[in-house]
Amino acid sequence: MNNKYILVLVEGEKTEINFFNNISNVFFKQNHNIEIIPFKCNIYKLYKHIESYNFNIDLIDALLTTKNISNEEKNILINKRFFYKYLVFDFDIQHKFLDNDIKYKSLLKMKEYFSNESENGLLFLNYPMFESIKVELSNPPLKYFYSNKNEYKKHINEKINININNLVYDEILNLIRKSIIIGNYIVKRQFHIPKYEDLQDIIFNNKILIHQISCFKNYKCVYQLNTSILFLISYFGEKLFNKIKS
């Protein structure tokens, strides 16, 4: 694995970058084969860009043809061959710039297109935003009901004072454990860790997204869940999964 480059494309250029730099230091140590690149915009902008190519373009070429990526970052994409590609974006359903039905269609299409880390890439969505990671670390109620103010990030940062940029190995394992349990509850209403062979069906396909869309349509709420940390399970596989169960 050491000679195979990993790309993690994240939405934001500060919070997510700092978080994943720490994850890289903890899990990949001196291995510099992981690149964390910010897209600097939401998933709907990426969707529109890829849609302009009729979804007939791979992730690297899509990034090389967008203004969201700097020339320095494009040089990294050109000069390295990425065997594993992960995308980390927010659900972002609270914004009013698009009709909700268009957002649902866009998200489902992106989950379908980015469904394999060694091909187009594997998409991880955070509900409602990346800051839900603090909820998982501090155990508030699972559901978040949208208000008219749409100030989720501010609300979480004011209520939960946790530094997510210096988590140690065991804390990260616990975060993975909680993310899997919440995902399993959303899909199957079972509040425990499922079998490893069931993860693909529960976590890595579009079932969580379908349930979250339904929840938002009916109740204007979503379950707070950060799935981005699960890229580690996708990459390290059953060996890491067994550690979170012990």
Protein backbone atom coordinates (compact mmCIF):
# COMPACT_ATOMS: atom_id res chain seq x y z
CA MET A 1 0.00 0.00 0.00
CA ASN A 2 2.90 2.38 0.69
CA ASN A 3 3.49 3.13 -3.01
CA LYS A 4 -0.15 3.77 -3.82
CA TYR A 5 -1.26 7.37 -3.52
CA ILE A 6 -4.52 8.27 -1.78
CA LEU A 7 -6.56 11.34 -2.65
CA VAL A 8 -8.99 12.83 -0.14
CA LEU A 9 -11.03 15.61 -1.75
CA VAL A 10 -12.73 17.69 0.94
CA GLU A 11 -15.25 20.50 0.72
CA GLY A 12 -13.70 23.11 3.00
CA GLU A 13 -10.18 24.49 3.03
CA LYS A 14 -9.74 24.86 6.80
CA THR A 15 -11.79 22.65 9.15
CA GLU A 16 -11.63 19.52 7.02
CA ILE A 17 -7.98 20.04 6.05
CA ASN A 18 -6.89 20.35 9.68
CA PHE A 19 -8.92 17.33 10.71
CA PHE A 20 -7.65 15.06 7.96
CA ASN A 21 -4.05 16.19 8.42
CA ASN A 22 -4.29 14.84 11.94
CA ILE A 23 -5.91 11.61 10.70
CA SER A 24 -3.07 11.27 8.21
CA ASN A 25 -0.44 11.73 10.94
CA VAL A 26 -2.09 9.17 13.21
CA PHE A 27 -2.89 6.43 10.68
CA PHE A 28 -0.34 6.94 7.94
CA LYS A 29 2.49 8.34 10.11
CA GLN A 30 5.55 9.00 7.93
CA ASN A 31 3.76 7.82 4.80
CA HIS A 32 3.36 10.89 2.60
CA ASN A 33 1.29 9.08 0.01
CA ILE A 34 -1.96 10.74 1.07
CA GLU A 35 -2.98 14.08 -0.44
CA ILE A 36 -5.79 16.17 1.06
CA ILE A 37 -7.12 18.73 -1.40
CA PRO A 38 -9.98 21.21 -0.78
CA PHE A 39 -12.63 21.79 -3.44
CA LYS A 40 -13.60 25.07 -1.73
CA CYS A 41 -17.25 24.78 -2.66
CA ASN A 42 -20.26 22.54 -2.02
CA ILE A 43 -21.12 19.25 -3.69
CA TYR A 44 -23.73 20.84 -5.94
CA LYS A 45 -21.02 22.89 -7.68
CA LEU A 46 -19.03 19.70 -8.30
CA TYR A 47 -22.19 17.99 -9.54
CA LYS A 48 -22.87 20.76 -12.07
CA HIS A 49 -19.30 20.61 -13.31
CA ILE A 50 -19.35 16.84 -13.84
CA GLU A 51 -22.85 17.02 -15.31
CA SER A 52 -21.51 19.42 -17.96
CA TYR A 53 -19.46 16.45 -19.20
CA ASN A 54 -22.53 14.16 -19.09
CA PHE A 55 -20.86 12.24 -16.24
CA ASN A 56 -18.33 10.96 -18.74
CA ILE A 57 -15.24 12.25 -16.95
CA ASP A 58 -13.17 10.85 -14.11
CA LEU A 59 -12.55 12.73 -10.88
CA ILE A 60 -8.98 13.79 -11.63
CA ASP A 61 -9.85 15.23 -15.05
CA ALA A 62 -12.89 16.94 -13.54
CA LEU A 63 -10.69 18.65 -10.95
CA LEU A 64 -8.10 19.65 -13.54
CA THR A 65 -10.81 21.43 -15.53
CA THR A 66 -12.31 23.45 -12.68
CA LYS A 67 -11.27 26.81 -11.28
CA ASN A 68 -11.86 25.57 -7.73
CA ILE A 69 -8.48 23.83 -7.66
CA SER A 70 -5.27 25.88 -7.50
CA ASN A 71 -2.43 25.41 -9.98
CA GLU A 72 -0.27 23.98 -7.19
CA GLU A 73 -2.95 21.42 -6.37
CA LYS A 74 -3.42 20.62 -10.05
CA ASN A 75 0.30 19.86 -10.33
CA ILE A 76 -0.11 17.34 -7.51
CA LEU A 77 -3.01 15.71 -9.36
CA ILE A 78 -1.00 15.57 -12.59
CA ASN A 79 2.22 14.21 -11.10
CA LYS A 80 0.79 11.48 -8.87
CA ARG A 81 -1.23 8.42 -9.71
CA PHE A 82 -4.02 7.98 -7.19
CA PHE A 83 -5.11 4.39 -6.63
CA TYR A 84 -7.68 5.36 -4.00
CA LYS A 85 -9.92 8.43 -4.18
CA TYR A 86 -12.28 9.62 -1.46
CA LEU A 87 -14.65 12.59 -1.52
CA VAL A 88 -15.95 14.29 1.63
CA PHE A 89 -18.86 16.73 1.28
CA ASP A 90 -21.78 18.08 3.29
CA PHE A 91 -25.44 17.21 2.79
CA ASP A 92 -26.01 21.01 2.64
CA ILE A 93 -29.73 20.67 2.13
CA GLN A 94 -30.41 23.82 4.17
CA HIS A 95 -29.26 26.23 1.48
CA LYS A 96 -31.91 27.85 -0.72
CA PHE A 97 -29.92 28.26 -3.94
CA LEU A 98 -31.51 25.16 -5.51
CA ASP A 99 -34.91 23.52 -5.38
CA ASN A 100 -34.85 20.64 -2.90
CA ASP A 101 -35.89 18.07 -5.50
CA ILE A 102 -32.90 19.07 -7.61
CA LYS A 103 -30.65 18.66 -4.58
CA TYR A 104 -32.02 15.17 -3.88
CA LYS A 105 -31.47 14.14 -7.50
CA SER A 106 -27.95 15.58 -7.49
CA LEU A 107 -26.93 13.84 -4.26
CA LEU A 108 -28.28 10.47 -5.36
CA LYS A 109 -26.51 10.77 -8.72
CA MET A 110 -23.24 11.66 -7.04
CA LYS A 111 -23.50 8.70 -4.64
CA GLU A 112 -24.17 6.42 -7.59
CA TYR A 113 -21.28 7.82 -9.63
CA PHE A 114 -18.77 7.91 -6.79
CA SER A 115 -19.31 4.44 -5.37
CA ASN A 116 -15.87 2.80 -5.64
CA GLU A 117 -12.66 4.21 -4.22
CA SER A 118 -10.42 2.49 -6.79
CA GLU A 119 -12.51 3.63 -9.77
CA ASN A 120 -14.30 7.01 -9.91
CA GLY A 121 -13.95 7.50 -6.18
CA LEU A 122 -16.02 6.90 -3.04
CA LEU A 123 -18.23 9.69 -1.72
CA PHE A 124 -18.84 10.26 1.99
CA LEU A 125 -21.58 12.69 2.98
CA ASN A 126 -21.86 14.45 6.33
CA TYR A 127 -25.29 15.23 7.77
CA PRO A 128 -26.08 18.04 7.87
CA MET A 129 -22.48 19.33 7.80
CA PHE A 130 -18.95 18.29 8.73
CA GLU A 131 -19.40 19.77 12.22
CA SER A 132 -21.66 16.84 13.10
CA ILE A 133 -18.43 15.12 14.05
CA LYS A 134 -18.53 17.11 17.30
CA VAL A 135 -21.99 15.73 18.00
CA GLU A 136 -20.70 12.18 17.72
CA LEU A 137 -17.88 12.97 20.12
CA SER A 138 -20.14 14.57 22.74
CA ASN A 139 -23.37 12.52 22.54
CA PRO A 140 -26.17 15.13 22.16
CA PRO A 141 -29.51 14.02 20.62
CA LEU A 142 -29.18 12.31 17.26
CA LYS A 143 -31.69 14.38 15.34
CA TYR A 144 -31.19 17.93 14.22
CA PHE A 145 -34.30 19.92 13.33
CA TYR A 146 -33.75 22.73 10.86
CA SER A 147 -34.66 26.24 11.94
CA ASN A 148 -35.26 29.18 9.65
CA LYS A 149 -31.89 30.64 10.56
CA ASN A 150 -29.89 27.72 9.16
CA GLU A 151 -27.02 28.32 11.56
CA TYR A 152 -25.95 24.75 12.24
CA LYS A 153 -22.21 25.36 12.23
CA LYS A 154 -22.48 28.31 14.60
CA HIS A 155 -24.88 26.40 16.86
CA ILE A 156 -22.57 23.39 17.17
CA ASN A 157 -19.41 25.40 17.70
CA GLU A 158 -21.08 27.42 20.47
CA LYS A 159 -22.60 24.41 22.22
CA ILE A 160 -19.77 21.89 21.87
CA ASN A 161 -16.22 22.90 22.75
CA ILE A 162 -14.16 20.03 21.34
CA ASN A 163 -10.88 20.25 19.45
CA ILE A 164 -11.22 17.72 16.62
CA ASN A 165 -7.72 18.37 15.26
CA ASN A 166 -5.69 16.46 17.84
CA LEU A 167 -7.64 13.21 18.27
CA VAL A 168 -5.48 10.24 19.19
CA TYR A 169 -5.75 6.70 17.84
CA ASP A 170 -8.26 5.34 20.36
CA GLU A 171 -10.46 8.44 20.06
CA ILE A 172 -10.55 8.01 16.29
CA LEU A 173 -11.46 4.34 16.66
CA ASN A 174 -14.30 5.36 18.96
CA LEU A 175 -15.47 7.93 16.41
CA ILE A 176 -15.51 5.26 13.69
CA ARG A 177 -17.48 2.99 16.01
CA LYS A 178 -20.10 5.67 16.69
CA SER A 179 -20.43 6.56 13.00
CA ILE A 180 -21.06 2.94 12.08
CA ILE A 181 -23.61 2.48 14.88
CA ILE A 182 -25.51 5.64 13.92
CA GLY A 183 -25.47 4.63 10.26
CA ASN A 184 -26.77 1.18 11.16
CA TYR A 185 -29.53 2.75 13.24
CA ILE A 186 -30.59 5.07 10.41
CA VAL A 187 -30.85 2.22 7.92
CA LYS A 188 -31.93 -0.76 10.04
CA ARG A 189 -33.03 0.76 13.36
CA GLN A 190 -30.45 -1.43 15.09
CA PHE A 191 -28.24 0.42 17.56
CA HIS A 192 -25.14 -1.75 17.39
CA ILE A 193 -22.17 -2.54 15.16
CA PRO A 194 -23.23 -4.76 12.23
CA LYS A 195 -21.18 -7.56 10.72
CA TYR A 196 -18.32 -6.51 8.49
CA GLU A 197 -19.89 -8.16 5.45
CA ASP A 198 -23.00 -5.98 5.94
CA LEU A 199 -21.11 -2.67 5.88
CA GLN A 200 -21.30 -2.25 2.11
CA ASP A 201 -25.07 -2.54 2.18
CA ILE A 202 -25.52 -0.30 5.22
CA ILE A 203 -22.76 2.27 5.11
CA PHE A 204 -21.12 2.58 1.71
CA ASN A 205 -24.08 2.58 -0.67
CA ASN A 206 -26.88 5.18 -0.84
CA LYS A 207 -29.22 3.82 1.86
CA ILE A 208 -28.25 6.36 4.51
CA LEU A 209 -28.78 9.15 2.00
CA ILE A 210 -32.20 7.82 1.00
CA HIS A 211 -33.30 7.66 4.64
CA GLN A 212 -31.95 11.15 5.36
CA ILE A 213 -33.76 12.62 2.35
CA SER A 214 -36.98 10.97 3.52
CA CYS A 215 -36.48 12.31 7.05
CA PHE A 216 -35.90 15.83 5.76
CA LYS A 217 -38.92 15.70 3.43
CA ASN A 218 -41.26 14.52 6.16
CA TYR A 219 -39.96 16.19 9.29
CA LYS A 220 -37.44 18.87 8.23
CA CYS A 221 -34.73 17.13 10.19
CA VAL A 222 -31.83 14.74 9.66
CA TYR A 223 -29.84 12.42 11.87
CA GLN A 224 -26.53 14.06 12.71
CA LEU A 225 -23.87 11.83 11.22
CA ASN A 226 -20.34 12.34 9.99
CA THR A 227 -19.44 9.50 7.63
CA SER A 228 -16.11 10.90 6.42
CA ILE A 229 -14.07 9.06 9.06
CA LEU A 230 -15.30 5.80 7.55
CA PHE A 231 -12.89 6.19 4.66
CA LEU A 232 -10.41 4.52 7.03
CA ILE A 233 -12.58 1.39 7.12
CA SER A 234 -12.84 1.47 3.33
CA TYR A 235 -9.05 1.70 3.04
CA PHE A 236 -7.82 -0.61 5.82
CA GLY A 237 -10.76 -3.03 5.64
CA GLU A 238 -11.59 -5.79 8.05
CA LYS A 239 -8.31 -5.52 9.97
CA LEU A 240 -9.28 -2.07 11.26
CA PHE A 241 -12.94 -3.03 11.62
CA ASN A 242 -11.99 -5.80 14.04
CA LYS A 243 -10.15 -3.29 16.22
CA ILE A 244 -13.25 -1.14 16.71
CA LYS A 245 -15.20 -4.18 17.84
CA SER A 246 -12.70 -5.19 20.50
